[in-house]
Amino acid sequence: MTGDINPEFSHRIPVGDIPARGAEYEIGADPHEREALAERLGLVRLDALTARLRLQPVGGGPLIRLTGRLSARVVQSCVVTLEPMDAEVDERFAMTFGPPGEVDEDEDVLELDLSPDAEDPPDPFVDGAIDLGEAVAEHLALALDPFPRKPGAEFSPPAAPEEGERAESANPFAILGRMRKNDV
């Protein structure tokens, strides 16, 4: 998460306000926030978005662990028919936050472990706070089906052109030549 954007669904918690024993939060998007998030995420509509979250300091150090569960009702466009389709999202997630600049600039530390089982590196605090709403929005984006398809919807490719048409239609210069002849 970066501090350069203006999140549509911002619920900032200052790190200094998080008790040592941790804290629980429930957040929900209002109609304006849902509309803005739907536009950002390419949804037809976002009918509901709620989350139950817990922030917990890790081992007395500077890291904060966020665990949570988000629930959403979304309307996406079917990739085949373009018809709207309802979907439910119920996703558990966890992430860690830490002070910016905590990562050592040593080359060995900057190597990435691309193992799918490896934990992500900590996200930095932004202006001394953790934005719960933006964390939920990011995990909603990850949980959405990137290619939603209505049950039974099948793609039918267009009919193949006849043999004589194929050579001419595959050549963009032949098409441009025909266009030029029509203009002259």
Protein backbone atom coordinates (compact mmCIF):
# COMPACT_ATOMS: atom_id res chain seq x y z
CA MET A 1 0.00 0.00 0.00
CA THR A 2 1.31 3.40 -0.82
CA GLY A 3 0.63 6.80 0.67
CA ASP A 4 0.28 8.36 -2.80
CA ILE A 5 -3.29 7.19 -3.41
CA ASN A 6 -6.51 8.38 -1.88
CA PRO A 7 -8.31 5.15 -0.94
CA GLU A 8 -12.06 5.00 -1.44
CA PHE A 9 -12.56 2.93 1.71
CA SER A 10 -10.11 4.35 4.25
CA HIS A 11 -10.20 3.29 7.91
CA ARG A 12 -6.85 4.39 9.32
CA ILE A 13 -5.72 3.18 12.74
CA PRO A 14 -2.68 5.00 14.20
CA VAL A 15 -0.08 2.43 15.25
CA GLY A 16 0.28 4.15 18.63
CA ASP A 17 -3.42 3.49 19.35
CA ILE A 18 -3.06 -0.31 19.07
CA PRO A 19 -2.90 -1.79 22.58
CA ALA A 20 -0.23 -4.38 23.42
CA ARG A 21 -2.96 -7.01 23.83
CA GLY A 22 -4.27 -6.21 20.32
CA ALA A 23 -7.61 -4.87 19.18
CA GLU A 24 -10.58 -6.00 17.11
CA TYR A 25 -12.45 -3.93 14.53
CA GLU A 26 -15.55 -4.31 12.39
CA ILE A 27 -15.81 -2.13 9.31
CA GLY A 28 -18.29 -1.83 6.47
CA ALA A 29 -18.39 0.19 3.27
CA ASP A 30 -21.15 2.77 2.85
CA PRO A 31 -22.94 3.20 -0.53
CA HIS A 32 -20.51 5.88 -1.78
CA GLU A 33 -17.47 3.80 -0.82
CA ARG A 34 -18.96 0.71 -2.47
CA GLU A 35 -19.69 2.63 -5.67
CA ALA A 36 -16.12 4.00 -5.82
CA LEU A 37 -14.63 0.56 -5.06
CA ALA A 38 -16.82 -1.07 -7.74
CA GLU A 39 -15.45 1.39 -10.29
CA ARG A 40 -11.85 0.80 -9.15
CA LEU A 41 -12.24 -2.99 -9.28
CA GLY A 42 -14.16 -3.12 -12.58
CA LEU A 43 -17.36 -4.46 -11.00
CA VAL A 44 -20.90 -3.84 -12.19
CA ARG A 45 -21.84 -3.27 -8.52
CA LEU A 46 -20.56 -3.89 -5.03
CA ASP A 47 -23.73 -4.53 -3.01
CA ALA A 48 -22.09 -5.21 0.37
CA LEU A 49 -18.63 -5.19 1.95
CA THR A 50 -17.89 -5.89 5.61
CA ALA A 51 -14.86 -7.13 7.49
CA ARG A 52 -13.95 -8.37 10.97
CA LEU A 53 -10.31 -7.62 11.70
CA ARG A 54 -7.72 -8.00 14.44
CA LEU A 55 -4.51 -6.03 14.87
CA GLN A 56 -1.91 -7.65 17.14
CA PRO A 57 1.64 -6.44 17.91
CA VAL A 58 4.14 -9.20 17.15
CA GLY A 59 6.48 -10.25 19.96
CA GLY A 60 6.91 -6.80 21.47
CA GLY A 61 8.68 -5.59 18.33
CA PRO A 62 7.74 -2.99 15.78
CA LEU A 63 5.64 -5.36 13.63
CA ILE A 64 1.84 -5.49 13.68
CA ARG A 65 -0.08 -8.54 12.42
CA LEU A 66 -3.46 -8.00 10.73
CA THR A 67 -5.77 -10.99 10.48
CA GLY A 68 -9.27 -10.77 9.17
CA ARG A 69 -12.21 -12.02 7.24
CA LEU A 70 -14.05 -10.06 4.59
CA SER A 71 -17.48 -10.71 3.19
CA ALA A 72 -18.82 -9.12 0.03
CA ARG A 73 -21.67 -9.37 -2.45
CA VAL A 74 -20.52 -8.35 -5.90
CA VAL A 75 -21.97 -8.19 -9.40
CA GLN A 76 -19.48 -8.93 -12.18
CA SER A 77 -19.87 -9.20 -15.96
CA CYS A 78 -19.70 -12.67 -17.45
CA VAL A 79 -16.65 -12.84 -19.73
CA VAL A 80 -18.63 -14.75 -22.36
CA THR A 81 -22.08 -13.14 -22.43
CA LEU A 82 -21.27 -9.81 -20.68
CA GLU A 83 -24.44 -10.35 -18.61
CA PRO A 84 -24.30 -9.29 -14.94
CA MET A 85 -23.83 -12.11 -12.49
CA ASP A 86 -23.94 -12.17 -8.71
CA ALA A 87 -21.08 -13.56 -6.65
CA GLU A 88 -20.34 -13.93 -2.95
CA VAL A 89 -16.86 -13.42 -1.55
CA ASP A 90 -15.91 -14.80 1.87
CA GLU A 91 -12.17 -14.57 2.35
CA ARG A 92 -9.79 -14.91 5.29
CA PHE A 93 -6.48 -13.09 5.04
CA ALA A 94 -3.44 -12.08 7.07
CA MET A 95 -0.66 -9.61 6.56
CA THR A 96 2.08 -7.93 8.55
CA PHE A 97 2.92 -4.23 8.84
CA GLY A 98 6.10 -2.57 10.02
CA PRO A 99 7.87 0.77 10.12
CA PRO A 100 9.14 2.01 6.75
CA GLY A 101 12.87 1.53 6.26
CA GLU A 102 13.09 -1.52 8.54
CA VAL A 103 14.29 -3.67 5.62
CA ASP A 104 18.07 -3.63 5.39
CA GLU A 105 19.41 -2.37 2.06
CA ASP A 106 21.87 -5.30 1.89
CA GLU A 107 21.68 -7.14 -1.48
CA ASP A 108 21.06 -10.50 0.20
CA VAL A 109 17.97 -9.16 1.97
CA LEU A 110 16.51 -7.74 -1.25
CA GLU A 111 16.39 -11.13 -2.98
CA LEU A 112 12.84 -12.34 -3.39
CA ASP A 113 11.64 -15.77 -2.37
CA LEU A 114 8.97 -16.61 -4.94
CA SER A 115 7.67 -19.61 -3.08
CA PRO A 116 3.86 -19.59 -2.96
CA ASP A 117 4.08 -20.78 0.66
CA ALA A 118 6.45 -18.00 1.75
CA GLU A 119 5.02 -15.14 3.77
CA ASP A 120 4.91 -11.71 2.17
CA PRO A 121 7.33 -9.13 3.55
CA PRO A 122 5.79 -6.55 5.90
CA ASP A 123 3.86 -3.66 4.36
CA PRO A 124 5.07 -0.29 5.68
CA PHE A 125 3.06 1.88 8.02
CA VAL A 126 1.85 4.95 6.08
CA ASP A 127 2.13 8.16 8.07
CA GLY A 128 2.29 6.11 11.28
CA ALA A 129 -0.98 4.27 10.62
CA ILE A 130 -2.46 1.10 9.16
CA ASP A 131 -5.36 1.56 6.74
CA LEU A 132 -7.72 -1.34 7.44
CA GLY A 133 -10.09 -0.33 4.64
CA GLU A 134 -7.36 -0.34 2.00
CA ALA A 135 -6.12 -3.74 3.25
CA VAL A 136 -9.67 -5.11 2.88
CA ALA A 137 -10.04 -3.54 -0.60
CA GLU A 138 -6.75 -5.08 -1.76
CA HIS A 139 -7.74 -8.53 -0.51
CA LEU A 140 -11.18 -8.21 -2.09
CA ALA A 141 -9.46 -7.47 -5.41
CA LEU A 142 -7.33 -10.60 -4.99
CA ALA A 143 -10.36 -12.75 -4.10
CA LEU A 144 -12.45 -11.77 -7.14
CA ASP A 145 -12.79 -14.25 -9.99
CA PRO A 146 -10.71 -12.70 -12.80
CA PHE A 147 -12.77 -14.51 -15.45
CA PRO A 148 -16.33 -14.83 -14.13
CA ARG A 149 -18.51 -17.07 -16.28
CA LYS A 150 -22.21 -17.75 -15.92
CA PRO A 151 -23.05 -21.44 -15.59
CA GLY A 152 -23.58 -22.92 -19.05
CA ALA A 153 -22.10 -19.93 -20.91
CA GLU A 154 -19.84 -21.14 -23.69
CA PHE A 155 -17.72 -19.22 -26.13
CA SER A 156 -18.44 -19.94 -29.80
CA PRO A 157 -15.62 -18.72 -32.05
CA PRO A 158 -16.67 -16.99 -35.29
CA ALA A 159 -16.91 -19.16 -38.39
CA ALA A 160 -13.66 -19.54 -40.31
CA PRO A 161 -13.54 -17.58 -43.60
CA GLU A 162 -13.56 -19.39 -46.92
CA GLU A 163 -10.15 -20.27 -48.38
CA GLY A 164 -10.05 -17.31 -50.82
CA GLU A 165 -11.19 -14.86 -48.16
CA ARG A 166 -8.65 -16.08 -45.66
CA ALA A 167 -5.55 -14.90 -47.51
CA GLU A 168 -7.04 -11.48 -48.29
CA SER A 169 -8.58 -10.89 -44.84
CA ALA A 170 -5.37 -11.92 -43.10
CA ASN A 171 -3.40 -9.28 -45.02
CA PRO A 172 -3.96 -5.82 -43.49
CA PHE A 173 -2.39 -4.15 -46.56
CA ALA A 174 -5.03 -5.69 -48.83
CA ILE A 175 -7.72 -4.13 -46.62
CA LEU A 176 -5.97 -0.75 -46.74
CA GLY A 177 -5.68 -1.06 -50.54
CA ARG A 178 -9.43 -1.65 -50.86
CA MET A 179 -10.13 1.33 -48.62
CA ARG A 180 -7.88 3.54 -50.74
CA LYS A 181 -9.53 2.42 -53.99
CA ASN A 182 -12.93 3.36 -52.54
CA ASP A 183 -11.70 6.83 -51.55
CA VAL A 184 -10.16 7.70 -54.95
